[in-house]
Amino acid sequence: MKRIIYILLTVSLLAACGTTKKSQATQSAVALTFNADSAYEFCAAQCDFGPRTMNSTAHEQCAQWIQQKFEQYGYQVTLQKADLKGYDGTILKSTNIIATSPYAAASPQPAPRIFICAHWDSRPWADNDPDEANWRKPVMAANDGASGVAVMLELARMLQQNDSVRLAVDFICFDAEDWGIPQWEEDVNGDSWALGAQYWAASDEAKSKTYQYAILLDMVGGQGAKFYREYYSMHYARNIVERVWQAANTAGYGSIFPYKDSGGVTDDHVPVNEKAGIPCIDIINHYPDCEQSSFGPTWHTVSDDMQHIDRNTLQAVGQTLVQLIYSE
């Protein structure tokens, strides 16, 4: 998933973010149930192609599969292709996969439109692996990549079957997110991450629709994961964070979405906020007690595989989004 850089904040900044109170508004849990088994299979199907590293055959084959799945669920798919330059000068054949929704309840006014996004490429180097011999091996990216796309595909399938939603929900699969500078390099370049999102956010495509807000999913299938309120999300889209965390609480997953704050993450939501001007939050796992990484023990290691994907985590994130979408 991302970005190697986890930005630690001062105590005062974190304290400021922590003053938000739980919403007093009451909601009823929606009757629809997110299918975590289906999402798990979507995750496994991506991994079956192998690591989806930039410029690889697996990358191209998986792009075609993702496109076909969204089209199967009635979405209009646009492929935004670009040659992007990696931190080391490598030209990356990038494809952002944009799925536009045809679903929203009939209304005299156009339905409000949001989008949910995730990156779909794999990290080419397992540079946080405890075994240095693995550092230049590619990451399977079951959690850090495939899990977010899997949740989105299951939501697209549900929206086709239950199209009474009052929102139009688009999906964007961002490419070239995980080519960020590896840990063995001395330079730390935040702009080397999230290249596909940076490209989309600066393009006419980002301005072609009026989005009310966006939600980024990053590493949403890990074992024992919890999702804290990420700093940039609170800074740019605090009200959306509150709505999502309230939805999680209503859906019965308040313990997995605690009202706790974390630091800022260099991730796809940053250019969406800063370049496109669209309020976007990041649902991203946080392991405060993990010595290896606060992103969890499998982050940027060869162990980021299907053996470490948890249906319960997929269920918590997916049901939270179902609660949000169908109660708007």
Protein backbone atom coordinates (compact mmCIF):
# COMPACT_ATOMS: atom_id res chain seq x y z
CA MET A 1 0.00 0.00 0.00
CA LYS A 2 1.59 2.96 0.32
CA ARG A 3 3.92 4.89 1.14
CA ILE A 4 6.62 4.27 3.14
CA ILE A 5 6.29 7.51 4.96
CA TYR A 6 4.13 7.62 8.03
CA ILE A 7 4.19 11.21 9.21
CA LEU A 8 4.25 11.54 12.98
CA LEU A 9 2.52 14.58 14.38
CA THR A 10 3.14 16.66 17.45
CA VAL A 11 1.12 16.02 20.57
CA SER A 12 -0.70 19.31 20.10
CA LEU A 13 -1.85 18.39 16.60
CA LEU A 14 -3.07 15.00 17.72
CA ALA A 15 -4.84 16.53 20.67
CA ALA A 16 -6.60 18.98 18.40
CA CYS A 17 -7.82 16.14 16.23
CA GLY A 18 -9.00 14.21 19.25
CA THR A 19 -11.49 16.77 20.46
CA THR A 20 -14.23 15.60 18.12
CA LYS A 21 -17.26 14.18 19.91
CA LYS A 22 -19.25 11.22 18.70
CA SER A 23 -22.24 12.19 16.67
CA GLN A 24 -25.39 12.24 18.73
CA ALA A 25 -27.51 11.49 15.68
CA THR A 26 -29.09 8.07 15.79
CA GLN A 27 -29.26 5.76 12.80
CA SER A 28 -30.90 2.45 12.16
CA ALA A 29 -28.77 -0.37 10.80
CA VAL A 30 -29.56 -1.09 7.15
CA ALA A 31 -30.92 -4.53 6.29
CA LEU A 32 -28.47 -5.27 3.47
CA THR A 33 -25.47 -7.43 4.34
CA PHE A 34 -22.03 -7.10 2.78
CA ASN A 35 -20.74 -10.47 1.55
CA ALA A 36 -17.22 -10.86 2.92
CA ASP A 37 -16.81 -14.27 1.28
CA SER A 38 -17.36 -12.68 -2.12
CA ALA A 39 -14.89 -9.90 -1.33
CA TYR A 40 -12.36 -12.50 -0.19
CA GLU A 41 -12.67 -14.28 -3.53
CA PHE A 42 -12.21 -11.00 -5.41
CA CYS A 43 -9.04 -10.46 -3.39
CA ALA A 44 -7.76 -13.97 -4.16
CA ALA A 45 -8.56 -13.57 -7.87
CA GLN A 46 -6.24 -10.57 -8.09
CA CYS A 47 -3.46 -12.44 -6.31
CA ASP A 48 -3.88 -15.34 -8.72
CA PHE A 49 -2.31 -13.11 -11.37
CA GLY A 50 0.79 -12.78 -9.20
CA PRO A 51 2.25 -9.49 -7.98
CA ARG A 52 0.71 -6.68 -10.05
CA THR A 53 3.92 -4.69 -10.31
CA MET A 54 4.16 -1.88 -12.83
CA ASN A 55 4.99 -2.85 -16.44
CA SER A 56 4.43 -6.57 -15.79
CA THR A 57 2.19 -9.06 -17.59
CA ALA A 58 0.31 -9.72 -14.33
CA HIS A 59 -0.38 -5.99 -14.06
CA GLU A 60 -1.92 -5.85 -17.54
CA GLN A 61 -3.95 -9.03 -17.08
CA CYS A 62 -5.34 -7.86 -13.76
CA ALA A 63 -6.33 -4.49 -15.25
CA GLN A 64 -8.41 -6.28 -17.87
CA TRP A 65 -10.03 -8.45 -15.21
CA ILE A 66 -10.94 -5.46 -13.01
CA GLN A 67 -12.42 -3.64 -16.00
CA GLN A 68 -14.49 -6.66 -16.96
CA LYS A 69 -15.83 -7.11 -13.42
CA PHE A 70 -17.04 -3.51 -13.16
CA GLU A 71 -18.62 -3.76 -16.60
CA GLN A 72 -20.30 -7.01 -15.55
CA TYR A 73 -21.99 -5.04 -12.76
CA GLY A 74 -23.29 -2.40 -15.15
CA TYR A 75 -20.62 0.26 -14.72
CA GLN A 76 -19.19 2.31 -17.57
CA VAL A 77 -15.41 1.97 -17.42
CA THR A 78 -12.86 4.52 -18.60
CA LEU A 79 -9.16 3.70 -18.67
CA GLN A 80 -6.96 6.70 -17.97
CA LYS A 81 -3.55 5.72 -19.32
CA ALA A 82 -0.35 7.66 -18.78
CA ASP A 83 3.41 7.22 -18.88
CA LEU A 84 4.56 8.29 -15.44
CA LYS A 85 8.13 8.61 -14.23
CA GLY A 86 9.15 6.69 -11.13
CA TYR A 87 11.57 8.02 -8.53
CA ASP A 88 14.43 6.27 -10.35
CA GLY A 89 13.48 7.47 -13.84
CA THR A 90 11.64 4.28 -14.81
CA ILE A 91 8.73 4.98 -17.16
CA LEU A 92 5.66 3.37 -15.63
CA LYS A 93 2.82 2.34 -17.95
CA SER A 94 0.01 3.45 -15.66
CA THR A 95 -3.73 2.82 -15.94
CA ASN A 96 -6.29 4.41 -13.63
CA ILE A 97 -9.52 2.39 -13.90
CA ILE A 98 -12.56 4.63 -13.51
CA ALA A 99 -15.99 2.98 -13.12
CA THR A 100 -18.95 5.36 -13.44
CA SER A 101 -22.22 4.42 -11.77
CA PRO A 102 -25.56 4.15 -13.56
CA TYR A 103 -27.35 3.50 -10.26
CA ALA A 104 -29.31 5.99 -8.19
CA ALA A 105 -32.97 6.24 -7.32
CA ALA A 106 -35.09 8.26 -9.75
CA SER A 107 -35.29 11.90 -8.73
CA PRO A 108 -36.15 15.25 -10.34
CA GLN A 109 -32.62 16.35 -9.43
CA PRO A 110 -29.37 14.56 -10.32
CA ALA A 111 -28.30 12.24 -7.54
CA PRO A 112 -25.40 13.37 -5.35
CA ARG A 113 -22.22 11.67 -6.57
CA ILE A 114 -19.31 10.32 -4.52
CA PHE A 115 -16.45 7.98 -5.32
CA ILE A 116 -14.66 5.21 -3.48
CA CYS A 117 -11.09 4.49 -4.48
CA ALA A 118 -8.14 2.19 -3.84
CA HIS A 119 -4.82 1.49 -5.50
CA TRP A 120 -4.51 -1.75 -7.44
CA ASP A 121 -0.77 -2.05 -8.16
CA SER A 122 1.70 -4.08 -6.09
CA ARG A 123 4.85 -2.89 -4.36
CA PRO A 124 7.84 -4.09 -6.45
CA TRP A 125 10.10 -4.42 -3.41
CA ALA A 126 9.44 -6.08 -0.03
CA ASP A 127 11.70 -3.48 1.55
CA ASN A 128 10.17 -3.72 5.03
CA ASP A 129 10.59 -7.49 5.27
CA PRO A 130 12.45 -8.64 8.39
CA ASP A 131 14.69 -10.74 6.12
CA GLU A 132 16.93 -8.43 4.08
CA ALA A 133 17.25 -11.18 1.46
CA ASN A 134 13.62 -10.50 0.52
CA TRP A 135 13.93 -6.75 0.07
CA ARG A 136 14.10 -6.83 -3.73
CA LYS A 137 11.33 -9.38 -4.15
CA PRO A 138 7.87 -8.15 -5.25
CA VAL A 139 4.99 -8.02 -2.80
CA MET A 140 1.87 -10.09 -3.51
CA ALA A 141 -0.15 -7.20 -2.09
CA ALA A 142 -3.18 -9.16 -0.92
CA ASN A 143 -3.88 -6.52 1.72
CA ASP A 144 -1.88 -3.57 0.39
CA GLY A 145 -3.74 -3.27 -2.88
CA ALA A 146 -6.08 -6.17 -3.60
CA SER A 147 -8.23 -5.83 -0.47
CA GLY A 148 -9.43 -2.32 -1.32
CA VAL A 149 -10.33 -3.26 -4.88
CA ALA A 150 -12.07 -6.39 -3.59
CA VAL A 151 -14.33 -4.38 -1.28
CA MET A 152 -15.15 -1.99 -4.13
CA LEU A 153 -16.07 -4.82 -6.50
CA GLU A 154 -18.39 -6.37 -3.94
CA LEU A 155 -20.01 -2.99 -3.37
CA ALA A 156 -20.48 -2.60 -7.14
CA ARG A 157 -22.14 -6.02 -7.26
CA MET A 158 -24.46 -5.05 -4.38
CA LEU A 159 -25.36 -1.74 -6.00
CA GLN A 160 -26.41 -3.55 -9.17
CA GLN A 161 -28.67 -5.86 -7.17
CA ASN A 162 -30.01 -3.17 -4.83
CA ASP A 163 -30.20 0.04 -6.85
CA SER A 164 -32.50 1.99 -4.51
CA VAL A 165 -29.54 4.00 -3.22
CA ARG A 166 -29.96 7.78 -3.37
CA LEU A 167 -26.28 8.31 -4.15
CA ALA A 168 -24.40 7.72 -7.39
CA VAL A 169 -21.29 5.81 -6.29
CA ASP A 170 -18.35 5.75 -8.69
CA PHE A 171 -15.17 3.72 -8.17
CA ILE A 172 -11.58 4.58 -9.08
CA CYS A 173 -8.70 2.12 -9.03
CA PHE A 174 -5.53 4.22 -8.86
CA ASP A 175 -2.34 2.86 -10.37
CA ALA A 176 1.36 3.49 -9.65
CA GLU A 177 0.75 4.15 -5.97
CA ASP A 178 3.40 1.86 -4.57
CA TRP A 179 6.49 2.73 -6.64
CA GLY A 180 7.60 5.07 -3.87
CA ILE A 181 11.27 5.32 -3.03
CA PRO A 182 12.50 2.16 -1.24
CA GLN A 183 13.88 2.20 2.26
CA TRP A 184 17.42 1.38 1.16
CA GLU A 185 17.64 4.79 -0.55
CA GLU A 186 18.74 7.70 1.60
CA ASP A 187 16.39 10.22 -0.04
CA VAL A 188 12.82 10.52 1.25
CA ASN A 189 10.57 11.79 -1.52
CA GLY A 190 6.86 11.94 -0.71
CA ASP A 191 6.05 12.81 -4.32
CA SER A 192 7.32 9.40 -5.47
CA TRP A 193 4.16 7.80 -4.05
CA ALA A 194 0.58 7.89 -5.34
CA LEU A 195 1.61 8.76 -8.90
CA GLY A 196 -1.65 7.59 -10.49
CA ALA A 197 -3.73 9.58 -8.03
CA GLN A 198 -1.54 12.63 -8.58
CA TYR A 199 -2.08 12.34 -12.32
CA TRP A 200 -5.87 11.90 -12.02
CA ALA A 201 -6.24 14.73 -9.51
CA ALA A 202 -4.53 17.20 -11.86
CA SER A 203 -6.46 16.06 -14.96
CA ASP A 204 -9.65 17.23 -16.64
CA GLU A 205 -11.22 13.90 -15.62
CA ALA A 206 -11.16 15.01 -11.99
CA LYS A 207 -13.05 18.17 -12.91
CA SER A 208 -15.59 16.52 -15.20
CA LYS A 209 -17.94 15.51 -12.36
CA THR A 210 -18.97 17.24 -9.18
CA TYR A 211 -18.15 14.89 -6.34
CA GLN A 212 -19.42 15.65 -2.86
CA TYR A 213 -16.69 13.59 -1.25
CA ALA A 214 -14.51 10.51 -1.67
CA ILE A 215 -13.32 7.58 0.44
CA LEU A 216 -9.97 5.84 -0.02
CA LEU A 217 -9.59 2.20 1.04
CA ASP A 218 -6.05 1.08 1.79
CA MET A 219 -5.16 -2.19 3.50
CA VAL A 220 -8.68 -3.08 4.57
CA GLY A 221 -8.33 -6.85 4.92
CA GLY A 222 -5.56 -7.46 7.43
CA GLN A 223 -5.84 -9.74 10.43
CA GLY A 224 -6.64 -7.86 13.62
CA ALA A 225 -6.78 -4.53 11.84
CA LYS A 226 -8.27 -1.39 13.35
CA PHE A 227 -8.94 1.89 11.62
CA TYR A 228 -8.00 5.10 13.37
CA ARG A 229 -8.92 8.59 12.19
CA GLU A 230 -6.00 9.55 9.95
CA TYR A 231 -4.64 13.10 10.29
CA TYR A 232 -5.05 14.38 6.71
CA SER A 233 -8.56 12.94 6.60
CA MET A 234 -9.45 14.91 9.71
CA HIS A 235 -7.75 18.02 8.38
CA TYR A 236 -9.45 18.07 4.97
CA ALA A 237 -12.70 16.17 5.52
CA ARG A 238 -13.44 15.90 9.21
CA ASN A 239 -17.21 15.79 8.67
CA ILE A 240 -16.85 12.79 6.34
CA VAL A 241 -14.71 10.99 8.91
CA GLU A 242 -17.43 11.54 11.46
CA ARG A 243 -20.13 10.17 9.15
CA VAL A 244 -18.11 7.07 8.31
CA TRP A 245 -17.16 6.33 11.92
CA GLN A 246 -20.78 6.82 12.98
CA ALA A 247 -21.82 4.38 10.24
CA ALA A 248 -19.30 1.86 11.58
CA ASN A 249 -20.70 2.26 15.08
CA THR A 250 -24.27 1.81 13.85
CA ALA A 251 -23.28 -1.26 11.85
CA GLY A 252 -21.78 -2.82 14.97
CA TYR A 253 -18.09 -2.24 14.22
CA GLY A 254 -17.27 0.60 16.58
CA SER A 255 -14.48 -1.44 18.18
CA ILE A 256 -12.75 -1.76 14.79
CA PHE A 257 -13.29 1.92 13.97
CA PRO A 258 -12.36 3.46 17.34
CA TYR A 259 -12.66 7.20 17.96
CA LYS A 260 -8.89 7.50 18.12
CA ASP A 261 -6.48 9.54 16.02
CA SER A 262 -3.35 8.52 14.15
CA GLY A 263 -0.68 10.42 12.26
CA GLY A 264 -0.78 11.54 8.63
CA VAL A 265 -0.15 9.10 5.77
CA THR A 266 1.26 9.91 2.34
CA ASP A 267 -1.46 8.19 0.33
CA ASP A 268 -3.79 8.62 -2.64
CA HIS A 269 -6.21 10.82 -0.71
CA VAL A 270 -3.66 13.63 -0.34
CA PRO A 271 -3.61 14.68 -4.05
CA VAL A 272 -7.38 14.15 -4.25
CA ASN A 273 -7.74 16.74 -1.49
CA GLU A 274 -4.92 19.08 -2.47
CA LYS A 275 -4.97 18.96 -6.28
CA ALA A 276 -8.57 18.04 -7.12
CA GLY A 277 -10.11 19.89 -4.18
CA ILE A 278 -12.41 16.95 -3.37
CA PRO A 279 -12.83 16.13 0.34
CA CYS A 280 -11.39 12.63 0.69
CA ILE A 281 -10.70 10.46 3.72
CA ASP A 282 -8.45 7.44 4.11
CA ILE A 283 -9.72 4.24 5.72
CA ILE A 284 -6.35 2.67 6.44
CA ASN A 285 -5.27 0.11 9.02
CA HIS A 286 -3.31 1.19 12.06
CA TYR A 287 -1.41 -1.08 14.44
CA PRO A 288 -0.11 1.16 17.25
CA ASP A 289 1.62 -1.70 19.08
CA CYS A 290 3.30 -3.39 16.10
CA GLU A 291 7.08 -2.99 16.34
CA GLN A 292 7.71 -3.80 12.69
CA SER A 293 5.36 -1.14 11.31
CA SER A 294 2.30 0.79 12.40
CA PHE A 295 0.82 -0.41 9.09
CA GLY A 296 0.95 -3.96 10.43
CA PRO A 297 3.33 -6.93 10.34
CA THR A 298 2.86 -7.78 6.65
CA TRP A 299 3.28 -4.25 5.22
CA HIS A 300 5.79 -4.29 2.35
CA THR A 301 6.87 -7.85 3.15
CA VAL A 302 6.59 -11.15 1.29
CA SER A 303 3.99 -12.16 3.89
CA ASP A 304 1.34 -9.83 2.44
CA ASP A 305 -0.54 -12.79 0.99
CA MET A 306 -3.97 -14.43 1.20
CA GLN A 307 -2.98 -16.35 4.33
CA HIS A 308 -3.06 -13.04 6.18
CA ILE A 309 -6.39 -11.75 4.84
CA ASP A 310 -9.26 -11.81 7.33
CA ARG A 311 -12.89 -12.00 6.20
CA ASN A 312 -13.89 -10.29 9.45
CA THR A 313 -11.92 -7.18 8.53
CA LEU A 314 -13.36 -7.13 5.02
CA GLN A 315 -16.82 -7.49 6.58
CA ALA A 316 -16.29 -4.59 8.98
CA VAL A 317 -15.15 -2.20 6.26
CA GLY A 318 -17.68 -3.37 3.69
CA GLN A 319 -20.65 -3.25 6.07
CA THR A 320 -19.61 0.20 7.26
CA LEU A 321 -19.72 1.45 3.66
CA VAL A 322 -23.06 -0.28 3.02
CA GLN A 323 -24.42 1.47 6.12
CA LEU A 324 -23.11 4.81 4.88
CA ILE A 325 -24.27 4.48 1.26
CA TYR A 326 -27.76 3.16 1.98
CA SER A 327 -28.52 5.58 4.80
CA GLU A 328 -27.54 8.78 2.99
